[in-house]
Amino acid sequence: MSKPVSVDDGNFEQTVLKADKPVLVDFWAPWCRPCQMVAPIIDELANEYEGKVNFVKMDVDQNPKTATKYGVMSIPTLLIFKKGTPVSHIVGLRPKGDLKKNLDEALE
């Protein structure tokens, strides 16, 4: 069973930008109710896409540098990176089907 891994400003480049497969980054905060609601969906997707897509979480309160660099103004924000470049930007609580569509596009 695959689970999203926590990343921080210090290991973001190595874990996300240099990854050999697409990476979904969940920018969140512990106090954010919509973030808590999207977390089980992200966990399900991490299992469904195991081996194809990496899933990571970044607490924006603890890691403002990276969140600012990628223009995260609202949370939850989900960015999908492919070969070090953001290819999808999803803001707010979205249905699982929408997230799957974005992940499938990143795998093409």
N, C-alpha and C. Protein backbone atom coordinates (compact mmCIF):
# COMPACT_ATOMS: atom_id res chain seq x y z
N MET A 1 0.85 -1.18 0.00
CA MET A 1 0.00 0.00 0.00
C MET A 1 0.89 1.24 0.00
N SER A 2 0.70 2.06 -0.99
CA SER A 2 1.52 3.25 -1.16
C SER A 2 0.88 4.44 -0.46
N LYS A 3 1.71 5.27 0.15
CA LYS A 3 1.24 6.48 0.84
C LYS A 3 2.08 7.65 0.36
N PRO A 4 1.49 8.86 0.30
CA PRO A 4 2.30 10.03 -0.04
C PRO A 4 3.41 10.24 0.99
N VAL A 5 4.55 10.71 0.52
CA VAL A 5 5.72 10.96 1.35
C VAL A 5 5.80 12.47 1.62
N SER A 6 6.19 12.86 2.82
CA SER A 6 6.36 14.28 3.12
C SER A 6 7.67 14.79 2.54
N VAL A 7 7.62 15.97 1.94
CA VAL A 7 8.84 16.62 1.43
C VAL A 7 8.93 18.02 2.06
N ASP A 8 10.12 18.60 2.00
CA ASP A 8 10.32 19.94 2.52
C ASP A 8 11.16 20.75 1.54
N ASP A 9 11.39 22.01 1.89
CA ASP A 9 12.17 22.89 1.01
C ASP A 9 13.53 22.27 0.70
N GLY A 10 14.12 21.56 1.66
CA GLY A 10 15.45 21.01 1.50
C GLY A 10 15.56 19.83 0.54
N ASN A 11 14.52 18.99 0.47
CA ASN A 11 14.62 17.81 -0.40
C ASN A 11 13.66 17.84 -1.58
N PHE A 12 13.00 18.98 -1.80
CA PHE A 12 12.03 19.09 -2.90
C PHE A 12 12.69 18.85 -4.26
N GLU A 13 13.83 19.48 -4.48
CA GLU A 13 14.48 19.33 -5.79
C GLU A 13 14.81 17.87 -6.07
N GLN A 14 15.42 17.19 -5.12
CA GLN A 14 15.82 15.79 -5.33
C GLN A 14 14.60 14.88 -5.47
N THR A 15 13.59 15.08 -4.63
CA THR A 15 12.44 14.18 -4.60
C THR A 15 11.46 14.43 -5.73
N VAL A 16 11.28 15.70 -6.10
CA VAL A 16 10.25 16.04 -7.10
C VAL A 16 10.86 16.39 -8.46
N LEU A 17 11.75 17.36 -8.48
CA LEU A 17 12.26 17.87 -9.76
C LEU A 17 13.16 16.88 -10.48
N LYS A 18 13.85 16.02 -9.74
CA LYS A 18 14.76 15.05 -10.36
C LYS A 18 14.15 13.65 -10.42
N ALA A 19 12.87 13.53 -10.16
CA ALA A 19 12.21 12.22 -10.19
C ALA A 19 12.16 11.67 -11.61
N ASP A 20 12.22 10.35 -11.72
CA ASP A 20 12.21 9.69 -13.03
C ASP A 20 10.79 9.39 -13.53
N LYS A 21 9.78 9.77 -12.75
CA LYS A 21 8.38 9.60 -13.17
C LYS A 21 7.59 10.82 -12.70
N PRO A 22 6.37 11.00 -13.20
CA PRO A 22 5.58 12.15 -12.75
C PRO A 22 5.40 12.14 -11.23
N VAL A 23 5.26 13.34 -10.65
CA VAL A 23 5.08 13.49 -9.21
C VAL A 23 3.90 14.42 -8.95
N LEU A 24 2.95 13.96 -8.13
CA LEU A 24 1.87 14.83 -7.69
C LEU A 24 2.27 15.38 -6.33
N VAL A 25 2.31 16.71 -6.22
CA VAL A 25 2.65 17.37 -4.96
C VAL A 25 1.38 17.98 -4.38
N ASP A 26 1.04 17.57 -3.17
CA ASP A 26 -0.11 18.09 -2.44
C ASP A 26 0.39 19.16 -1.48
N PHE A 27 0.14 20.43 -1.82
CA PHE A 27 0.48 21.55 -0.93
C PHE A 27 -0.69 21.71 0.03
N TRP A 28 -0.44 21.58 1.33
CA TRP A 28 -1.49 21.54 2.33
C TRP A 28 -1.03 22.16 3.64
N ALA A 29 -1.93 22.21 4.61
CA ALA A 29 -1.60 22.63 5.99
C ALA A 29 -2.52 21.85 6.94
N PRO A 30 -2.04 21.55 8.14
CA PRO A 30 -2.83 20.75 9.08
C PRO A 30 -4.18 21.37 9.47
N TRP A 31 -4.28 22.68 9.46
CA TRP A 31 -5.51 23.37 9.87
C TRP A 31 -6.53 23.50 8.74
N CYS A 32 -6.16 23.10 7.53
CA CYS A 32 -7.00 23.29 6.33
C CYS A 32 -8.00 22.14 6.19
N ARG A 33 -9.29 22.45 6.38
CA ARG A 33 -10.34 21.41 6.29
C ARG A 33 -10.42 20.79 4.89
N PRO A 34 -10.45 21.58 3.80
CA PRO A 34 -10.47 20.95 2.47
C PRO A 34 -9.24 20.06 2.22
N CYS A 35 -8.10 20.43 2.81
CA CYS A 35 -6.89 19.60 2.68
C CYS A 35 -7.11 18.24 3.33
N GLN A 36 -7.77 18.25 4.48
CA GLN A 36 -8.06 17.00 5.18
C GLN A 36 -9.04 16.15 4.39
N MET A 37 -9.94 16.81 3.66
CA MET A 37 -10.93 16.09 2.86
C MET A 37 -10.31 15.48 1.60
N VAL A 38 -9.30 16.13 1.03
CA VAL A 38 -8.67 15.61 -0.18
C VAL A 38 -7.65 14.50 0.15
N ALA A 39 -7.15 14.47 1.37
CA ALA A 39 -6.11 13.50 1.74
C ALA A 39 -6.49 12.05 1.46
N PRO A 40 -7.71 11.58 1.81
CA PRO A 40 -8.04 10.17 1.50
C PRO A 40 -8.11 9.90 -0.01
N ILE A 41 -8.49 10.90 -0.79
CA ILE A 41 -8.52 10.74 -2.25
C ILE A 41 -7.10 10.58 -2.77
N ILE A 42 -6.18 11.40 -2.24
CA ILE A 42 -4.77 11.31 -2.64
C ILE A 42 -4.20 9.93 -2.25
N ASP A 43 -4.58 9.44 -1.07
CA ASP A 43 -4.12 8.12 -0.63
C ASP A 43 -4.61 7.02 -1.59
N GLU A 44 -5.88 7.10 -2.01
CA GLU A 44 -6.43 6.13 -2.96
C GLU A 44 -5.68 6.19 -4.29
N LEU A 45 -5.44 7.40 -4.78
CA LEU A 45 -4.74 7.56 -6.05
C LEU A 45 -3.30 7.04 -5.95
N ALA A 46 -2.66 7.26 -4.79
CA ALA A 46 -1.30 6.76 -4.59
C ALA A 46 -1.26 5.24 -4.75
N ASN A 47 -2.29 4.56 -4.28
CA ASN A 47 -2.37 3.11 -4.45
C ASN A 47 -2.64 2.73 -5.90
N GLU A 48 -3.57 3.43 -6.54
CA GLU A 48 -3.95 3.11 -7.92
C GLU A 48 -2.82 3.37 -8.91
N TYR A 49 -2.00 4.38 -8.64
CA TYR A 49 -0.93 4.76 -9.56
C TYR A 49 0.44 4.33 -9.06
N GLU A 50 0.47 3.41 -8.10
CA GLU A 50 1.74 2.95 -7.53
C GLU A 50 2.66 2.44 -8.64
N GLY A 51 3.90 2.91 -8.62
CA GLY A 51 4.88 2.51 -9.62
C GLY A 51 4.86 3.38 -10.87
N LYS A 52 3.79 4.18 -11.05
CA LYS A 52 3.67 5.03 -12.23
C LYS A 52 3.83 6.51 -11.91
N VAL A 53 3.33 6.91 -10.72
CA VAL A 53 3.37 8.31 -10.29
C VAL A 53 3.80 8.32 -8.82
N ASN A 54 4.68 9.26 -8.47
CA ASN A 54 5.05 9.45 -7.06
C ASN A 54 4.11 10.49 -6.46
N PHE A 55 3.77 10.31 -5.19
CA PHE A 55 2.89 11.23 -4.48
C PHE A 55 3.61 11.78 -3.27
N VAL A 56 3.62 13.11 -3.14
CA VAL A 56 4.27 13.74 -1.99
C VAL A 56 3.36 14.84 -1.43
N LYS A 57 3.58 15.14 -0.15
CA LYS A 57 2.83 16.20 0.54
C LYS A 57 3.83 17.23 1.05
N MET A 58 3.44 18.51 0.96
CA MET A 58 4.28 19.57 1.48
C MET A 58 3.44 20.51 2.33
N ASP A 59 3.80 20.64 3.61
CA ASP A 59 3.13 21.55 4.53
C ASP A 59 3.59 22.98 4.20
N VAL A 60 2.66 23.80 3.73
CA VAL A 60 3.03 25.14 3.28
C VAL A 60 3.46 26.05 4.43
N ASP A 61 2.97 25.79 5.63
CA ASP A 61 3.38 26.60 6.78
C ASP A 61 4.84 26.35 7.14
N GLN A 62 5.28 25.12 6.98
CA GLN A 62 6.66 24.75 7.31
C GLN A 62 7.63 25.00 6.16
N ASN A 63 7.10 25.14 4.94
CA ASN A 63 7.94 25.25 3.74
C ASN A 63 7.46 26.37 2.82
N PRO A 64 7.52 27.59 3.30
CA PRO A 64 7.00 28.71 2.49
C PRO A 64 7.81 28.98 1.23
N LYS A 65 9.09 28.65 1.23
CA LYS A 65 9.95 28.96 0.07
C LYS A 65 9.44 28.26 -1.19
N THR A 66 9.23 26.97 -1.11
CA THR A 66 8.78 26.22 -2.29
C THR A 66 7.36 26.61 -2.67
N ALA A 67 6.48 26.75 -1.69
CA ALA A 67 5.09 27.14 -1.98
C ALA A 67 5.05 28.48 -2.71
N THR A 68 5.87 29.43 -2.26
CA THR A 68 5.92 30.74 -2.90
C THR A 68 6.49 30.64 -4.31
N LYS A 69 7.54 29.85 -4.47
CA LYS A 69 8.17 29.69 -5.78
C LYS A 69 7.17 29.21 -6.84
N TYR A 70 6.25 28.34 -6.44
CA TYR A 70 5.29 27.79 -7.40
C TYR A 70 3.92 28.46 -7.33
N GLY A 71 3.86 29.64 -6.69
CA GLY A 71 2.65 30.45 -6.71
C GLY A 71 1.47 29.85 -5.98
N VAL A 72 1.72 29.09 -4.94
CA VAL A 72 0.63 28.50 -4.18
C VAL A 72 0.00 29.59 -3.31
N MET A 73 -1.21 30.01 -3.69
CA MET A 73 -1.91 31.08 -2.99
C MET A 73 -3.05 30.54 -2.13
N SER A 74 -3.61 29.41 -2.53
CA SER A 74 -4.72 28.77 -1.81
C SER A 74 -4.37 27.30 -1.64
N ILE A 75 -4.91 26.72 -0.58
CA ILE A 75 -4.69 25.29 -0.38
C ILE A 75 -6.04 24.61 -0.19
N PRO A 76 -6.17 23.35 -0.57
CA PRO A 76 -5.12 22.55 -1.18
C PRO A 76 -4.83 22.96 -2.62
N THR A 77 -3.56 22.91 -2.97
CA THR A 77 -3.12 23.06 -4.35
C THR A 77 -2.35 21.79 -4.70
N LEU A 78 -2.71 21.19 -5.82
CA LEU A 78 -2.02 19.99 -6.29
C LEU A 78 -1.30 20.35 -7.58
N LEU A 79 0.00 20.13 -7.60
CA LEU A 79 0.79 20.33 -8.81
C LEU A 79 1.31 18.98 -9.26
N ILE A 80 1.22 18.73 -10.54
CA ILE A 80 1.80 17.51 -11.11
C ILE A 80 3.03 17.93 -11.90
N PHE A 81 4.17 17.36 -11.52
CA PHE A 81 5.44 17.65 -12.18
C PHE A 81 5.82 16.49 -13.08
N LYS A 82 6.36 16.83 -14.24
CA LYS A 82 6.88 15.83 -15.16
C LYS A 82 8.23 16.33 -15.65
N LYS A 83 9.26 15.54 -15.41
CA LYS A 83 10.63 15.92 -15.78
C LYS A 83 11.00 17.30 -15.21
N GLY A 84 10.59 17.55 -13.96
CA GLY A 84 10.98 18.77 -13.27
C GLY A 84 10.13 20.00 -13.58
N THR A 85 9.11 19.85 -14.42
CA THR A 85 8.29 20.98 -14.83
C THR A 85 6.83 20.74 -14.42
N PRO A 86 6.17 21.76 -13.85
CA PRO A 86 4.75 21.59 -13.53
C PRO A 86 3.93 21.48 -14.82
N VAL A 87 3.14 20.42 -14.93
CA VAL A 87 2.31 20.23 -16.12
C VAL A 87 0.82 20.33 -15.80
N SER A 88 0.48 20.37 -14.51
CA SER A 88 -0.91 20.48 -14.11
C SER A 88 -0.99 21.22 -12.78
N HIS A 89 -1.98 22.11 -12.66
CA HIS A 89 -2.16 22.95 -11.47
C HIS A 89 -3.62 22.87 -11.08
N ILE A 90 -3.91 22.25 -9.93
CA ILE A 90 -5.28 22.04 -9.48
C ILE A 90 -5.43 22.72 -8.13
N VAL A 91 -6.40 23.62 -8.01
CA VAL A 91 -6.62 24.34 -6.76
C VAL A 91 -7.97 23.96 -6.18
N GLY A 92 -7.98 23.67 -4.89
CA GLY A 92 -9.23 23.36 -4.19
C GLY A 92 -9.56 21.88 -4.22
N LEU A 93 -10.63 21.55 -3.52
CA LEU A 93 -11.11 20.17 -3.44
C LEU A 93 -11.78 19.80 -4.76
N ARG A 94 -11.25 18.80 -5.42
CA ARG A 94 -11.77 18.37 -6.73
C ARG A 94 -12.19 16.91 -6.65
N PRO A 95 -13.12 16.49 -7.49
CA PRO A 95 -13.51 15.08 -7.51
C PRO A 95 -12.35 14.20 -7.95
N LYS A 96 -12.36 12.96 -7.49
CA LYS A 96 -11.31 12.00 -7.82
C LYS A 96 -11.15 11.85 -9.33
N GLY A 97 -12.26 11.85 -10.05
CA GLY A 97 -12.21 11.71 -11.50
C GLY A 97 -11.41 12.81 -12.18
N ASP A 98 -11.54 14.04 -11.68
CA ASP A 98 -10.77 15.16 -12.23
C ASP A 98 -9.28 14.94 -12.02
N LEU A 99 -8.93 14.48 -10.83
CA LEU A 99 -7.52 14.25 -10.52
C LEU A 99 -6.95 13.12 -11.38
N LYS A 100 -7.74 12.06 -11.58
CA LYS A 100 -7.30 10.94 -12.42
C LYS A 100 -7.05 11.42 -13.86
N LYS A 101 -7.92 12.28 -14.35
CA LYS A 101 -7.78 12.80 -15.72
C LYS A 101 -6.43 13.55 -15.84
N ASN A 102 -6.11 14.38 -14.85
CA ASN A 102 -4.85 15.11 -14.86
C ASN A 102 -3.65 14.17 -14.76
N LEU A 103 -3.76 13.15 -13.93
CA LEU A 103 -2.66 12.18 -13.80
C LEU A 103 -2.47 11.40 -15.10
N ASP A 104 -3.57 10.98 -15.71
CA ASP A 104 -3.47 10.22 -16.97
C ASP A 104 -2.82 11.07 -18.07
N GLU A 105 -3.16 12.36 -18.11
CA GLU A 105 -2.54 13.25 -19.09
C GLU A 105 -1.05 13.36 -18.85
N ALA A 106 -0.64 13.41 -17.61
CA ALA A 106 0.79 13.49 -17.28
C ALA A 106 1.55 12.23 -17.66
N LEU A 107 0.84 11.12 -17.72
CA LEU A 107 1.49 9.83 -18.07
C LEU A 107 1.60 9.63 -19.57
N GLU A 108 0.93 10.45 -20.37
CA GLU A 108 0.96 10.28 -21.84
C GLU A 108 2.32 10.65 -22.41
